Amino acid sequence: MEVKILEIRNNKGFVKWLLIGVSIVFLIVMLVLPLVYVIYTALREGWKVFVSSVTDEYAVKSIFLTVKVTVITVIINSVFGIFAAWLITRFKFRGKKLISTLIDLPLTISPIIAGLIFVLTFGRQSAIYPFLEKWGIQIIFAVPGIVLATIFVTFPFISREIIPVLTVKGTDEEEAAALMGANGFQIFTQITFPHIRWAFLYGVVLCSARAMGEFGAVSVLSGHLRGITNTMPLYIELLYQAFDFTGAFAMSAILVVMALVILVLKNIFEKSME
C-alpha cells in the first residue's frame, strides 16, 4: 500500500504536469497579475506621487484607524478565542454544540448582513437607542461601530485554531498538575498555553489579515466620514470613485505590503506548528 502511494506521489506522467500547469495559470491570472498591476499603477506616475498619495492627511488617518481597529479586534478576539476554546474542549454541558455552531456563524453570514444587524441593534429605530443617546454613546457612524463589525466577522478565527489543538492534547497533563496542587492559572500558563501558543499566534495572524481587509460590514456602519470613520479599504473605494486611480492603487499597494507581511508570519507559524 505504501509503495503504491509513493508511486502515485512520484508519478511524472501527464496528469501531474497538467495539474501543475492548471494551478500555475490559475494563480498567475487570479493573483500575480492583479498584484503586479496594483504595484505598477501605484508607481506609474513616479515615486514622488506615490509618497504624496500615501502621506496625505486622510490617507494617514485611514491607515492609523485600520491599525487601531485591528489591534482592538485582535485583543478582544484573543481573549474570547482562548476562553471559548477552553470552554468547549475542557467542560461538558448542555448547549455545547449550539455554542460551537454560533462561533462559526460569522463565516456563513454576509458581512453586509452583519452590518445591517448592528444598525438595527444600535440605530435610531432600536429600543436601546434612547439609552445610548442619554449616555452620549454613539456606535453607528462612529469608530465603536467599526470595531464591533470587525470583531463580529473575525471572532471565529482564533478559537477555531485553538480548539483542534486542545482536543488532540487531551486533559491528562492538566489533570496531573491539578492533582499535584497547581491552581487554574498555573495550569493554563505552564501547561495549556505552551501547547497552543503557535496555534494562537496563527489565529492572531488570520484575524489581523481579515480585520485589515474588512469592507462590507464596516461600509454599512461607518457612514463614510472622511478622516473619521474611513478605514483603508473604504478610503481606497472613495479615491477610486473620485477617479484618483493613482491614490487608490497607492493605498492598495500599502495594504498589499501589509498583507504580505502577515503572509510571511503565517508561513512562519505554520512551520512552527509542524
Protein backbone atom coordinates (compact mmCIF):
# COMPACT_ATOMS: atom_id res chain seq x y z
CA MET A 1 0.00 0.00 0.00
CA GLU A 2 2.77 2.42 0.95
CA VAL A 3 4.66 1.54 -2.25
CA LYS A 4 1.61 2.38 -4.37
CA ILE A 5 1.19 5.71 -2.58
CA LEU A 6 4.87 6.57 -3.21
CA GLU A 7 4.47 5.63 -6.88
CA ILE A 8 1.49 7.95 -7.20
CA ARG A 9 3.31 10.83 -5.49
CA ASN A 10 6.44 10.37 -7.61
CA ASN A 11 4.49 9.94 -10.83
CA LYS A 12 5.86 12.14 -13.63
CA GLY A 13 3.08 11.48 -16.11
CA PHE A 14 0.71 13.74 -17.98
CA VAL A 15 -1.83 14.19 -15.15
CA LYS A 16 0.77 15.54 -12.73
CA TRP A 17 2.06 18.17 -15.16
CA LEU A 18 -1.48 19.05 -16.21
CA LEU A 19 -2.43 19.77 -12.59
CA ILE A 20 0.75 21.81 -12.09
CA GLY A 21 0.07 23.81 -15.25
CA VAL A 22 -3.57 24.50 -14.35
CA SER A 23 -2.57 25.59 -10.82
CA ILE A 24 0.17 27.92 -12.08
CA VAL A 25 -2.06 29.50 -14.74
CA PHE A 26 -4.86 29.99 -12.22
CA LEU A 27 -2.54 31.62 -9.65
CA ILE A 28 -0.98 33.89 -12.27
CA VAL A 29 -4.35 35.07 -13.61
CA MET A 30 -6.13 35.38 -10.28
CA LEU A 31 -3.31 36.54 -8.00
CA VAL A 32 0.01 37.51 -9.58
CA LEU A 33 -1.25 39.69 -12.44
CA PRO A 34 -3.67 41.74 -10.27
CA LEU A 35 -0.93 42.34 -7.67
CA VAL A 36 1.58 43.34 -10.34
CA TYR A 37 -0.97 45.70 -11.88
CA VAL A 38 -1.67 47.29 -8.49
CA ILE A 39 2.03 47.97 -7.88
CA TYR A 40 2.57 49.18 -11.47
CA THR A 41 -0.37 51.60 -11.36
CA ALA A 42 0.65 52.89 -7.94
CA LEU A 43 4.16 53.76 -9.20
CA ARG A 44 3.22 54.72 -12.75
CA GLU A 45 3.40 58.47 -12.14
CA GLY A 46 6.61 58.30 -10.15
CA TRP A 47 7.81 57.73 -6.63
CA LYS A 48 7.05 61.28 -5.50
CA VAL A 49 3.38 60.99 -6.46
CA PHE A 50 3.19 57.64 -4.68
CA VAL A 51 4.70 59.05 -1.48
CA SER A 52 2.44 62.09 -1.70
CA SER A 53 -0.63 59.87 -2.03
CA VAL A 54 0.15 57.63 0.95
CA THR A 55 1.24 60.51 3.19
CA ASP A 56 -1.88 62.59 2.54
CA GLU A 57 -3.65 63.66 5.72
CA TYR A 58 -6.71 61.49 5.11
CA ALA A 59 -4.59 58.56 3.93
CA VAL A 60 -2.55 58.61 7.14
CA LYS A 61 -5.74 58.82 9.22
CA SER A 62 -7.21 55.82 7.39
CA ILE A 63 -4.02 53.82 8.00
CA PHE A 64 -3.97 54.66 11.70
CA LEU A 65 -7.68 53.86 12.02
CA THR A 66 -7.19 50.50 10.30
CA VAL A 67 -4.30 49.62 12.62
CA LYS A 68 -6.24 50.82 15.68
CA VAL A 69 -9.34 48.77 14.80
CA THR A 70 -7.19 45.73 14.01
CA VAL A 71 -5.34 45.90 17.34
CA ILE A 72 -8.55 46.27 19.35
CA THR A 73 -10.18 43.45 17.41
CA VAL A 74 -7.24 41.09 17.90
CA ILE A 75 -7.05 41.78 21.65
CA ILE A 76 -10.78 41.16 22.22
CA ASN A 77 -10.89 38.13 19.93
CA SER A 78 -7.79 36.69 21.61
CA VAL A 79 -9.50 36.74 24.99
CA PHE A 80 -12.73 35.36 23.56
CA GLY A 81 -10.93 32.76 21.44
CA ILE A 82 -8.96 31.31 24.35
CA PHE A 83 -11.97 31.31 26.69
CA ALA A 84 -14.27 29.75 24.08
CA ALA A 85 -11.73 27.08 23.11
CA TRP A 86 -11.09 26.18 26.75
CA LEU A 87 -14.83 26.04 27.46
CA ILE A 88 -15.63 23.77 24.51
CA THR A 89 -12.72 21.37 24.96
CA ARG A 90 -12.49 21.15 28.75
CA PHE A 91 -16.09 21.20 30.03
CA LYS A 92 -19.19 19.10 29.48
CA PHE A 93 -22.52 20.91 29.48
CA ARG A 94 -25.76 21.18 27.58
CA GLY A 95 -25.67 23.53 24.65
CA LYS A 96 -22.01 22.93 23.76
CA LYS A 97 -22.87 22.14 20.13
CA LEU A 98 -25.04 25.25 19.94
CA ILE A 99 -22.17 27.47 21.15
CA SER A 100 -19.79 25.79 18.73
CA THR A 101 -22.24 26.43 15.89
CA LEU A 102 -22.72 30.07 16.88
CA ILE A 103 -18.96 30.62 16.83
CA ASP A 104 -18.97 29.63 13.15
CA LEU A 105 -21.93 31.88 12.33
CA PRO A 106 -19.91 34.88 11.04
CA LEU A 107 -18.29 32.58 8.45
CA THR A 108 -21.68 31.89 6.89
CA ILE A 109 -23.29 35.34 7.11
CA SER A 110 -22.57 38.04 4.55
CA PRO A 111 -20.60 40.92 6.14
CA ILE A 112 -23.19 43.37 4.78
CA ILE A 113 -25.93 41.49 6.65
CA ALA A 114 -23.77 41.67 9.77
CA GLY A 115 -23.52 45.44 9.34
CA LEU A 116 -27.28 45.74 8.95
CA ILE A 117 -27.78 43.66 12.11
CA PHE A 118 -25.76 46.19 14.11
CA VAL A 119 -27.63 49.09 12.51
CA LEU A 120 -30.92 47.53 13.62
CA THR A 121 -29.50 46.81 17.09
CA PHE A 122 -27.92 50.20 17.81
CA GLY A 123 -29.55 52.54 15.28
CA ARG A 124 -32.23 55.15 15.91
CA GLN A 125 -35.05 52.65 15.42
CA SER A 126 -33.75 50.27 18.12
CA ALA A 127 -35.17 50.06 21.63
CA ILE A 128 -31.80 50.75 23.27
CA TYR A 129 -31.01 53.87 21.23
CA PRO A 130 -32.59 56.30 23.78
CA PHE A 131 -30.29 54.90 26.49
CA LEU A 132 -27.23 55.21 24.25
CA GLU A 133 -28.19 58.79 23.38
CA LYS A 134 -28.75 59.62 27.05
CA TRP A 135 -25.24 58.48 27.94
CA GLY A 136 -23.69 60.10 24.87
CA ILE A 137 -22.63 56.79 23.33
CA GLN A 138 -22.51 56.76 19.54
CA ILE A 139 -21.99 53.41 17.83
CA ILE A 140 -23.45 53.77 14.36
CA PHE A 141 -21.38 56.00 12.03
CA ALA A 142 -18.57 56.06 14.58
CA VAL A 143 -15.43 54.09 15.43
CA PRO A 144 -17.17 51.83 18.02
CA GLY A 145 -19.46 50.56 15.27
CA ILE A 146 -16.50 49.77 13.04
CA VAL A 147 -14.83 47.88 15.89
CA LEU A 148 -17.99 45.89 16.65
CA ALA A 149 -18.46 44.96 12.99
CA THR A 150 -14.83 43.90 12.64
CA ILE A 151 -14.95 41.83 15.82
CA PHE A 152 -18.10 40.10 14.59
CA VAL A 153 -16.67 39.00 11.25
CA THR A 154 -13.34 37.84 12.75
CA PHE A 155 -14.06 36.22 16.12
CA PRO A 156 -14.11 32.58 14.86
CA PHE A 157 -10.52 32.66 13.58
CA ILE A 158 -8.58 32.38 16.85
CA SER A 159 -10.88 29.93 18.64
CA ARG A 160 -11.07 27.67 15.58
CA GLU A 161 -7.27 27.37 15.50
CA ILE A 162 -7.00 26.57 19.21
CA ILE A 163 -9.89 24.09 19.59
CA PRO A 164 -8.35 21.27 17.47
CA VAL A 165 -5.02 21.56 19.30
CA LEU A 166 -6.62 21.38 22.74
CA THR A 167 -8.79 18.47 21.60
CA VAL A 168 -5.77 16.48 20.41
CA LYS A 169 -3.67 17.21 23.52
CA GLY A 170 -6.37 15.96 25.87
CA THR A 171 -6.54 16.71 29.59
CA ASP A 172 -4.07 14.21 31.09
CA GLU A 173 -1.31 16.73 31.83
CA GLU A 174 -3.73 19.29 33.24
CA GLU A 175 -5.39 16.70 35.50
CA ALA A 176 -1.99 15.52 36.75
CA ALA A 177 -1.00 19.12 37.55
CA ALA A 178 -4.28 19.66 39.39
CA LEU A 179 -3.68 16.53 41.49
CA MET A 180 -0.24 17.88 42.40
CA GLY A 181 -1.81 21.07 43.74
CA ALA A 182 -1.46 23.51 40.82
CA ASN A 183 -4.16 26.17 40.58
CA GLY A 184 -6.05 27.08 37.39
CA PHE A 185 -3.76 29.95 36.48
CA GLN A 186 -0.64 27.83 36.87
CA ILE A 187 -2.15 25.03 34.81
CA PHE A 188 -3.05 27.39 32.00
CA THR A 189 0.20 29.35 31.87
CA GLN A 190 2.62 26.44 32.37
CA ILE A 191 0.84 23.54 30.66
CA THR A 192 -2.07 24.61 28.45
CA PHE A 193 -0.74 27.76 26.78
CA PRO A 194 2.67 26.31 25.75
CA HIS A 195 0.74 23.70 23.74
CA ILE A 196 -1.47 26.24 21.97
CA ARG A 197 0.89 29.20 21.57
CA TRP A 198 1.66 28.60 17.88
CA ALA A 199 -1.98 27.87 17.04
CA PHE A 200 -2.92 31.02 18.96
CA LEU A 201 -0.40 33.16 17.06
CA TYR A 202 -1.54 31.62 13.78
CA GLY A 203 -5.12 32.57 14.65
CA VAL A 204 -3.99 36.10 15.53
CA VAL A 205 -2.38 36.42 12.09
CA LEU A 206 -5.54 35.25 10.32
CA CYS A 207 -7.68 37.55 12.46
CA SER A 208 -5.41 40.52 11.70
CA ALA A 209 -5.49 39.88 7.96
CA ARG A 210 -9.27 39.63 7.94
CA ALA A 211 -9.68 42.72 10.11
CA MET A 212 -7.46 44.91 7.93
CA GLY A 213 -9.29 43.97 4.75
CA GLU A 214 -12.86 44.06 6.04
CA PHE A 215 -15.12 46.17 3.83
CA GLY A 216 -18.77 45.07 3.78
CA ALA A 217 -19.83 45.32 7.43
CA VAL A 218 -17.62 48.35 8.05
CA SER A 219 -19.03 50.12 5.00
CA VAL A 220 -22.58 49.80 6.34
CA LEU A 221 -21.69 51.11 9.82
CA SER A 222 -19.05 53.74 9.06
CA GLY A 223 -21.08 56.43 7.35
CA HIS A 224 -18.01 57.09 5.16
CA LEU A 225 -16.94 60.12 7.20
CA ARG A 226 -13.65 61.19 5.62
CA GLY A 227 -10.83 61.33 8.12
CA ILE A 228 -13.05 59.96 10.89
CA THR A 229 -14.54 56.55 10.01
CA ASN A 230 -12.83 55.64 6.75
CA THR A 231 -10.57 52.61 7.09
CA MET A 232 -8.09 51.82 4.32
CA PRO A 233 -10.50 49.72 2.20
CA LEU A 234 -13.17 52.43 2.46
CA TYR A 235 -10.67 55.18 1.65
CA ILE A 236 -9.47 53.22 -1.39
CA GLU A 237 -13.06 52.99 -2.62
CA LEU A 238 -13.51 56.73 -2.05
CA LEU A 239 -10.40 57.56 -4.09
CA TYR A 240 -11.38 55.20 -6.88
CA GLN A 241 -14.88 56.68 -7.14
CA ALA A 242 -13.27 60.15 -7.31
CA PHE A 243 -11.16 58.90 -10.29
CA ASP A 244 -7.96 59.28 -8.29
CA PHE A 245 -6.62 55.99 -9.59
CA THR A 246 -3.03 56.64 -8.59
CA GLY A 247 -4.01 57.39 -4.99
CA ALA A 248 -6.35 54.40 -4.85
CA PHE A 249 -3.72 52.00 -6.12
CA ALA A 250 -1.03 53.57 -3.93
CA MET A 251 -3.12 52.87 -0.85
CA SER A 252 -3.89 49.42 -2.24
CA ALA A 253 -0.15 48.80 -2.54
CA ILE A 254 0.30 49.66 1.14
CA LEU A 255 -2.49 47.23 2.02
CA VAL A 256 -0.82 44.59 -0.18
CA VAL A 257 2.50 45.09 1.65
CA MET A 258 0.74 44.70 5.00
CA ALA A 259 -0.92 41.52 3.70
CA LEU A 260 2.43 40.14 2.52
CA VAL A 261 3.96 40.74 5.95
CA ILE A 262 1.06 38.82 7.51
CA LEU A 263 1.51 36.06 4.91
CA VAL A 264 5.18 35.69 5.89
CA LEU A 265 4.21 35.49 9.56
CA LYS A 266 1.53 32.94 8.68
CA ASN A 267 4.09 30.69 6.96
CA ILE A 268 6.49 31.02 9.91
CA PHE A 269 3.80 29.99 12.38
CA GLU A 270 2.65 27.14 10.11
CA LYS A 271 6.19 25.80 10.06
CA SER A 272 6.49 26.15 13.83
CA MET A 273 3.26 24.18 14.31
CA GLU A 274 4.59 21.17 12.36
